[in-house]
Protein backbone atom coordinates (compact mmCIF):
# COMPACT_ATOMS: atom_id res chain seq x y z
CA MET A 1 0.00 0.00 0.00
CA PHE A 2 1.22 3.49 -0.87
CA GLN A 3 2.30 5.46 2.21
CA LEU A 4 3.85 8.86 1.54
CA GLU A 5 5.59 8.90 4.93
CA ASN A 6 7.62 5.89 3.83
CA LEU A 7 8.97 7.83 0.85
CA VAL A 8 9.95 11.18 2.35
CA ARG A 9 13.63 11.43 3.28
CA GLU A 10 14.24 11.40 7.03
CA GLY A 11 16.11 14.69 6.86
CA ILE A 12 13.21 16.30 5.01
CA LYS A 13 10.72 15.07 7.63
CA LYS A 14 12.75 16.88 10.30
CA LEU A 15 13.44 19.95 8.17
CA THR A 16 12.12 23.29 9.35
CA PRO A 17 11.60 25.19 6.08
CA TYR A 18 13.05 28.65 5.66
CA SER A 19 10.49 31.28 6.57
CA SER A 20 10.75 34.35 4.36
CA ALA A 21 9.37 37.77 5.19
CA ARG A 22 6.51 37.18 2.76
CA ASP A 23 5.70 33.87 4.44
CA GLU A 24 5.27 35.58 7.79
CA PHE A 25 3.00 38.34 6.42
CA SER A 26 0.02 37.95 4.12
CA GLY A 27 -2.60 40.51 3.31
CA GLU A 28 -2.62 44.16 2.28
CA ALA A 29 -0.23 46.86 3.50
CA LYS A 30 1.07 50.23 2.35
CA ILE A 31 4.58 50.21 3.77
CA PHE A 32 6.87 47.19 3.54
CA LEU A 33 9.92 47.39 5.80
CA ASP A 34 10.29 43.69 6.54
CA ALA A 35 12.46 42.13 3.81
CA ASN A 36 15.50 44.42 3.47
CA GLU A 37 14.51 45.38 -0.07
CA ASN A 38 15.60 48.60 -1.79
CA SER A 39 12.75 50.96 -0.90
CA LEU A 40 13.70 53.44 -3.67
CA GLY A 41 12.84 51.05 -6.50
CA SER A 42 14.97 49.72 -9.35
CA PRO A 43 16.26 50.87 -12.74
CA LEU A 44 13.36 48.98 -14.35
CA THR A 45 10.17 49.57 -12.37
CA LYS A 46 9.49 50.17 -8.72
CA TRP A 47 7.63 46.87 -8.58
CA TYR A 48 10.78 44.77 -9.20
CA ASN A 49 12.48 45.98 -6.06
CA ARG A 50 10.12 43.73 -4.07
CA TYR A 51 10.44 39.99 -3.63
CA PRO A 52 7.84 37.95 -5.55
CA ASP A 53 5.06 35.95 -3.94
CA PRO A 54 6.93 32.83 -2.75
CA HIS A 55 3.83 30.68 -3.30
CA GLN A 56 2.70 32.21 -6.62
CA ARG A 57 -0.91 32.40 -5.38
CA LYS A 58 -2.43 34.44 -8.24
CA LEU A 59 -0.63 32.38 -10.86
CA LYS A 60 -1.73 29.07 -9.32
CA GLU A 61 -5.32 30.29 -9.16
CA ALA A 62 -5.22 31.15 -12.86
CA ILE A 63 -3.66 27.77 -13.72
CA SER A 64 -6.24 25.94 -11.60
CA LYS A 65 -9.10 27.39 -13.64
CA ILE A 66 -7.59 26.10 -16.88
CA LYS A 67 -6.39 22.72 -15.61
CA GLY A 68 -9.34 21.95 -13.33
CA VAL A 69 -7.07 21.33 -10.35
CA GLN A 70 -7.20 23.16 -7.03
CA PRO A 71 -4.22 25.47 -6.32
CA GLN A 72 -3.08 23.35 -3.36
CA HIS A 73 -2.38 20.54 -5.84
CA ILE A 74 0.00 22.68 -7.93
CA PHE A 75 3.75 23.17 -7.57
CA LEU A 76 5.59 25.62 -9.83
CA GLY A 77 9.26 25.21 -10.64
CA ASN A 78 11.92 27.28 -12.35
CA GLY A 79 11.41 25.11 -15.41
CA SER A 80 10.32 21.48 -15.17
CA ASP A 81 13.96 20.72 -14.37
CA GLU A 82 13.47 22.24 -10.92
CA CYS A 83 10.39 20.05 -10.40
CA VAL A 84 12.55 17.00 -11.20
CA ASP A 85 15.26 18.21 -8.83
CA MET A 86 12.80 18.88 -5.98
CA LEU A 87 11.19 15.45 -6.31
CA ILE A 88 14.54 13.64 -6.15
CA ARG A 89 15.84 15.80 -3.28
CA SER A 90 12.64 15.31 -1.29
CA PHE A 91 12.07 11.58 -1.66
CA CYS A 92 15.40 9.89 -2.46
CA GLU A 93 18.07 9.30 0.17
CA PRO A 94 21.54 9.78 -1.39
CA GLY A 95 23.59 6.60 -1.49
CA LYS A 96 20.59 4.49 -0.56
CA ASP A 97 17.58 4.92 -2.84
CA ASN A 98 17.07 4.51 -6.58
CA ILE A 99 14.86 5.76 -9.38
CA ILE A 100 13.81 3.97 -12.56
CA ILE A 101 13.73 5.57 -16.01
CA ASN A 102 12.67 4.12 -19.37
CA PRO A 103 15.25 5.05 -22.01
CA PRO A 104 15.41 6.48 -24.52
CA THR A 105 13.88 9.36 -22.58
CA TYR A 106 14.52 12.85 -21.24
CA GLY A 107 18.08 12.97 -19.91
CA MET A 108 17.61 15.26 -16.91
CA TYR A 109 15.97 12.59 -14.74
CA GLU A 110 19.26 10.74 -14.59
CA VAL A 111 21.35 13.92 -14.38
CA TRP A 112 19.53 15.19 -11.28
CA ALA A 113 19.66 11.73 -9.71
CA THR A 114 23.41 11.54 -10.29
CA ILE A 115 23.92 15.00 -8.83
CA GLY A 116 21.90 13.94 -5.81
CA GLY A 117 23.85 10.70 -5.29
CA VAL A 118 20.86 8.55 -6.24
CA GLU A 119 21.13 5.39 -8.36
CA THR A 120 19.35 5.35 -11.72
CA ARG A 121 18.05 2.03 -13.02
CA GLN A 122 17.09 1.65 -16.67
CA ALA A 123 14.14 -0.33 -18.03
CA LYS A 124 14.74 0.19 -21.74
CA LEU A 125 11.64 0.63 -23.84
CA LEU A 126 10.54 -2.15 -26.16
CA ASP A 127 11.28 -1.85 -29.88
CA HIS A 128 7.93 -0.10 -30.47
CA PHE A 129 8.79 2.47 -27.77
CA GLN A 130 6.42 1.14 -25.10
CA LEU A 131 7.12 0.14 -21.48
CA ASP A 132 8.75 -3.19 -20.80
CA LEU A 133 6.60 -3.96 -17.76
CA VAL A 134 8.39 -7.23 -16.94
CA HIS A 135 11.83 -5.60 -16.90
CA LEU A 136 10.43 -2.62 -14.99
CA GLU A 137 8.94 -4.83 -12.31
CA ASN A 138 12.16 -6.79 -11.93
CA LEU A 139 14.11 -3.58 -11.27
CA VAL A 140 11.87 -2.42 -8.43
CA ASP A 141 13.03 -3.08 -4.89
CA ALA A 142 12.38 -1.62 -1.43
CA GLN A 143 14.64 1.36 -2.19
CA THR A 144 12.93 2.36 -5.43
CA LYS A 145 11.26 5.69 -4.71
CA ILE A 146 10.32 7.11 -8.13
CA ILE A 147 9.46 5.71 -11.57
CA TRP A 148 9.67 8.32 -14.35
CA ILE A 149 7.46 7.98 -17.42
CA CYS A 150 7.69 10.60 -20.18
CA SER A 151 4.50 10.60 -22.26
CA PRO A 152 4.53 11.74 -25.01
CA ASN A 153 8.10 10.60 -24.82
CA ASN A 154 11.21 12.56 -25.77
CA PRO A 155 12.91 11.73 -28.17
CA THR A 156 10.54 9.07 -29.57
CA ALA A 157 7.46 11.39 -29.71
CA ASN A 158 4.94 8.63 -28.95
CA THR A 159 2.42 8.37 -26.13
CA ILE A 160 2.93 5.53 -23.66
CA ASP A 161 -0.01 3.11 -23.49
CA ARG A 162 -2.41 4.31 -20.80
CA GLU A 163 -3.16 0.79 -19.58
CA ASP A 164 0.54 0.18 -18.96
CA ILE A 165 0.88 3.41 -16.97
CA GLU A 166 -2.20 2.47 -14.91
CA ALA A 167 -0.63 -0.93 -14.23
CA VAL A 168 2.46 0.79 -12.83
CA LEU A 169 0.35 3.19 -10.73
CA ASN A 170 -1.69 0.32 -9.29
CA ASN A 171 1.25 -1.93 -8.44
CA PHE A 172 4.06 0.39 -7.34
CA ASN A 173 4.15 1.87 -3.84
CA GLY A 174 6.46 4.74 -4.70
CA LEU A 175 5.85 7.86 -6.76
CA VAL A 176 5.02 7.55 -10.44
CA VAL A 177 5.91 10.77 -12.25
CA ILE A 178 4.35 11.26 -15.69
CA ASP A 179 6.12 13.98 -17.64
CA GLU A 180 3.53 15.47 -19.99
CA ALA A 181 5.62 18.28 -21.46
CA TYR A 182 4.18 17.56 -24.93
CA ILE A 183 0.63 16.55 -23.96
CA ASN A 184 -0.99 19.54 -25.68
CA PHE A 185 0.09 18.19 -29.08
CA SER A 186 -1.38 14.75 -28.37
CA ARG A 187 -4.85 13.34 -29.01
CA HIS A 188 -4.63 11.53 -25.68
CA LYS A 189 -5.95 13.03 -22.46
CA SER A 190 -3.79 14.11 -19.54
CA PHE A 191 -3.45 12.10 -16.34
CA ILE A 192 -4.16 15.26 -14.30
CA GLN A 193 -7.78 14.30 -13.81
CA GLU A 194 -6.66 10.99 -12.26
CA LEU A 195 -4.92 12.61 -9.28
CA ALA A 196 -7.79 11.81 -6.92
CA ASP A 197 -7.57 8.11 -7.85
CA TYR A 198 -3.81 7.72 -7.40
CA PRO A 199 -2.13 9.23 -4.31
CA ASN A 200 1.26 8.20 -5.74
CA LEU A 201 0.75 10.09 -9.03
CA VAL A 202 2.69 13.21 -9.99
CA VAL A 203 2.03 14.87 -13.36
CA MET A 204 4.49 17.37 -14.81
CA GLN A 205 3.67 19.90 -17.51
CA THR A 206 5.39 23.03 -18.78
CA PHE A 207 4.91 26.48 -20.28
CA SER A 208 7.89 25.90 -22.59
CA LYS A 209 6.19 23.96 -25.40
CA ALA A 210 2.55 24.67 -26.33
CA TRP A 211 2.54 27.99 -24.49
CA GLY A 212 5.72 29.11 -26.28
CA LEU A 213 7.32 30.47 -23.11
CA ALA A 214 10.57 28.49 -22.92
CA GLY A 215 12.47 31.68 -22.11
CA LEU A 216 10.50 32.21 -18.90
CA ARG A 217 11.49 28.83 -17.39
CA LEU A 218 8.20 27.81 -15.77
CA GLY A 219 7.28 24.21 -15.06
CA MET A 220 4.31 22.69 -13.28
CA ALA A 221 3.85 19.63 -11.10
CA PHE A 222 0.40 18.39 -10.09
CA ALA A 223 0.01 15.97 -7.20
CA SER A 224 -1.77 15.29 -3.93
CA GLU A 225 -1.71 18.08 -1.39
CA ALA A 226 0.60 15.97 0.79
CA VAL A 227 3.21 15.65 -1.99
CA ILE A 228 2.94 19.37 -2.85
CA ASP A 229 3.45 20.27 0.82
CA VAL A 230 6.74 18.35 0.82
CA LEU A 231 7.94 20.09 -2.36
CA ASN A 232 7.03 23.51 -0.96
CA LYS A 233 9.04 22.66 2.15
CA VAL A 234 12.17 21.98 0.11
CA LYS A 235 12.02 24.59 -2.67
CA PRO A 236 13.98 27.87 -2.58
CA PRO A 237 11.83 30.62 -1.03
CA TYR A 238 11.48 32.76 -4.17
CA ASN A 239 12.00 30.22 -6.94
CA ILE A 240 9.63 31.87 -9.49
CA ASN A 241 10.63 35.47 -10.18
CA GLN A 242 8.19 38.36 -10.39
CA ALA A 243 8.59 38.94 -14.15
CA THR A 244 7.82 35.29 -14.90
CA GLN A 245 4.73 35.36 -12.70
CA GLU A 246 3.43 38.51 -14.38
CA LEU A 247 4.08 37.34 -17.94
CA ALA A 248 2.63 33.88 -17.31
CA LEU A 249 -0.55 35.47 -15.94
CA LYS A 250 -0.85 37.54 -19.12
CA ALA A 251 -0.32 34.45 -21.27
CA LEU A 252 -3.02 32.54 -19.39
CA GLU A 253 -5.51 35.17 -20.56
CA GLN A 254 -4.84 34.08 -24.16
CA VAL A 255 -5.89 30.42 -24.09
CA GLY A 256 -7.65 30.79 -27.43
CA GLN A 257 -4.47 31.96 -29.14
CA VAL A 258 -2.52 29.08 -27.61
CA ASN A 259 -5.10 26.57 -28.84
CA ASP A 260 -4.84 28.09 -32.32
CA MET A 261 -1.05 27.67 -32.23
CA ILE A 262 -1.39 24.05 -31.12
CA ARG A 263 -3.74 23.27 -34.02
CA ALA A 264 -1.38 25.00 -36.45
CA ILE A 265 1.66 23.10 -35.18
CA VAL A 266 -0.15 19.75 -35.37
CA ALA A 267 -1.26 20.51 -38.94
CA MET A 268 2.30 21.52 -39.94
CA ARG A 269 3.64 18.40 -38.22
CA GLU A 270 1.52 16.22 -40.49
CA GLU A 271 2.52 18.22 -43.57
CA LEU A 272 6.17 17.93 -42.61
CA ARG A 273 5.77 14.19 -42.05
CA THR A 274 4.33 13.76 -45.54
CA SER A 275 7.13 15.81 -47.13
CA LEU A 276 9.83 13.89 -45.26
CA GLU A 277 8.39 10.50 -46.19
CA GLU A 278 8.70 11.43 -49.87
CA LEU A 279 12.47 11.94 -49.59
CA PRO A 280 14.70 9.03 -50.68
CA LEU A 281 17.10 9.60 -47.79
CA VAL A 282 14.30 9.05 -45.24
CA SER A 283 13.63 5.43 -44.34
CA LYS A 284 11.04 6.06 -41.60
CA VAL A 285 9.15 8.86 -39.85
CA TYR A 286 7.86 7.62 -36.51
CA PRO A 287 4.33 8.51 -35.33
CA SER A 288 4.30 11.68 -33.23
CA ASP A 289 2.11 13.10 -30.47
CA ALA A 290 4.57 15.94 -29.88
CA ASN A 291 5.80 19.08 -31.68
CA PHE A 292 8.69 17.15 -33.24
CA LEU A 293 9.34 14.13 -35.40
CA LEU A 294 11.82 11.31 -34.96
CA VAL A 295 13.15 10.58 -38.43
CA LYS A 296 15.36 7.67 -39.51
CA VAL A 297 17.65 8.66 -42.36
CA VAL A 298 20.50 7.26 -44.40
CA ASP A 299 23.76 8.37 -42.72
CA ALA A 300 22.35 10.58 -39.95
CA LYS A 301 25.70 12.21 -39.16
CA ALA A 302 26.25 13.26 -42.78
CA VAL A 303 22.72 14.67 -43.02
CA TYR A 304 23.13 16.51 -39.72
CA ASP A 305 26.45 18.05 -40.83
CA PHE A 306 24.99 19.04 -44.21
CA LEU A 307 22.07 20.80 -42.54
CA LEU A 308 24.49 22.68 -40.29
CA GLN A 309 26.23 23.98 -43.41
CA LYS A 310 22.82 25.30 -44.47
CA GLU A 311 22.45 26.93 -41.03
CA ILE A 312 19.68 24.52 -40.05
CA VAL A 313 20.05 22.87 -36.65
CA VAL A 314 18.29 19.61 -35.82
CA ARG A 315 19.12 17.09 -33.07
CA ASP A 316 21.28 14.08 -33.88
CA ARG A 317 19.89 11.18 -31.83
CA SER A 318 21.67 8.46 -33.82
CA LYS A 319 23.80 7.33 -30.87
CA VAL A 320 20.81 6.91 -28.54
CA ALA A 321 19.58 3.35 -27.93
CA LEU A 322 16.60 2.45 -30.17
CA CYS A 323 17.12 5.69 -32.12
CA GLU A 324 20.03 4.56 -34.26
CA GLY A 325 20.23 6.52 -37.50
CA CYS A 326 17.66 9.04 -36.32
CA LEU A 327 17.39 12.81 -36.27
CA ARG A 328 14.91 14.63 -34.04
CA ILE A 329 13.32 17.47 -35.97
CA THR A 330 11.19 20.13 -34.30
CA VAL A 331 8.22 21.45 -36.27
CA GLY A 332 9.19 24.97 -37.31
CA THR A 333 7.29 27.74 -39.03
CA GLU A 334 5.89 26.97 -42.48
CA LYS A 335 8.84 28.77 -44.07
CA GLU A 336 11.39 26.97 -41.88
CA ASN A 337 9.86 23.60 -42.70
CA GLN A 338 10.02 24.37 -46.42
CA GLU A 339 13.68 25.38 -46.16
CA LEU A 340 14.43 22.15 -44.31
CA ILE A 341 12.83 20.03 -47.03
CA MET A 342 14.67 21.96 -49.77
CA ALA A 343 17.98 21.38 -47.97
CA LEU A 344 17.27 17.66 -47.61
CA GLN A 345 16.40 17.47 -51.31
CA GLN A 346 19.74 19.10 -52.10
CA PHE A 347 21.49 16.48 -49.97
CA SER A 348 19.76 13.71 -51.90
CA ASN A 349 20.67 15.27 -55.27
CA ARG A 350 24.38 15.76 -54.56
């Protein structure tokens, strides 16, 4: 049976979180002399001389209305990378515990685990990029605290079978983190609405992809209130800066525009797929639920280098297990996609 207390690191249980000036006061006031800020303002605006809301209350309220999740179930990170870091720091004892990933997948799960002195175990995906449940189960032991599942997956672009994820959630007594960075480009529904059914479920999403705000560095984690309380205990006091909070709030007012962009990107993804499949150098374009395509080509390194000469940068994934001979190509603007296809045609005609 899942028991959160059995997962939280002993040191975190005993930790008294840092109490900032803005933690100790909430409400309205005219004069703030509590946080040693510069009372004269800043070279930008007077507002930026003040520390931001450490709990991002207004931003979480706005997100909750769109996602259908109460604010107390939301954690915001300085990019999804900080969400990954906070989860590993909070629940994995260095030198003792382990996490399980399913490669090929997003590399930062293992990077943060290594930095934190936590073992990473690998249950490689099957040839069709789905979970190997038998291998995954065999890797789990009493010290396994987190299983990471990226869906839609990076770099393979496919969605992981929902039934397989549910099997993991129902049979694993640690945290199951589903990274849904690309979910907006998928026809499959998010696991966010399943939070009430699975106390061990954490869902990560981001403002970097569909929302087009990669430069702001704003990630989201959705989980039970108990899990969010632990993350809030561990996070830096002012981890989301004031400018990011303001700009994200403005973006959340433009949901219609974001939905239009998502539809446009999905349409261009399918057009790009068709164009790529017509090229003789392309042997396979894998199905995609993301804003990129995994493309198997003849001599990936040569194609990658040729595109660089044309000032077009894609991602060479040819040395990644199960992605041999593959390039990962993000869906660009219509013009960028056309220039890419023209360059690949030139490569074929050399």
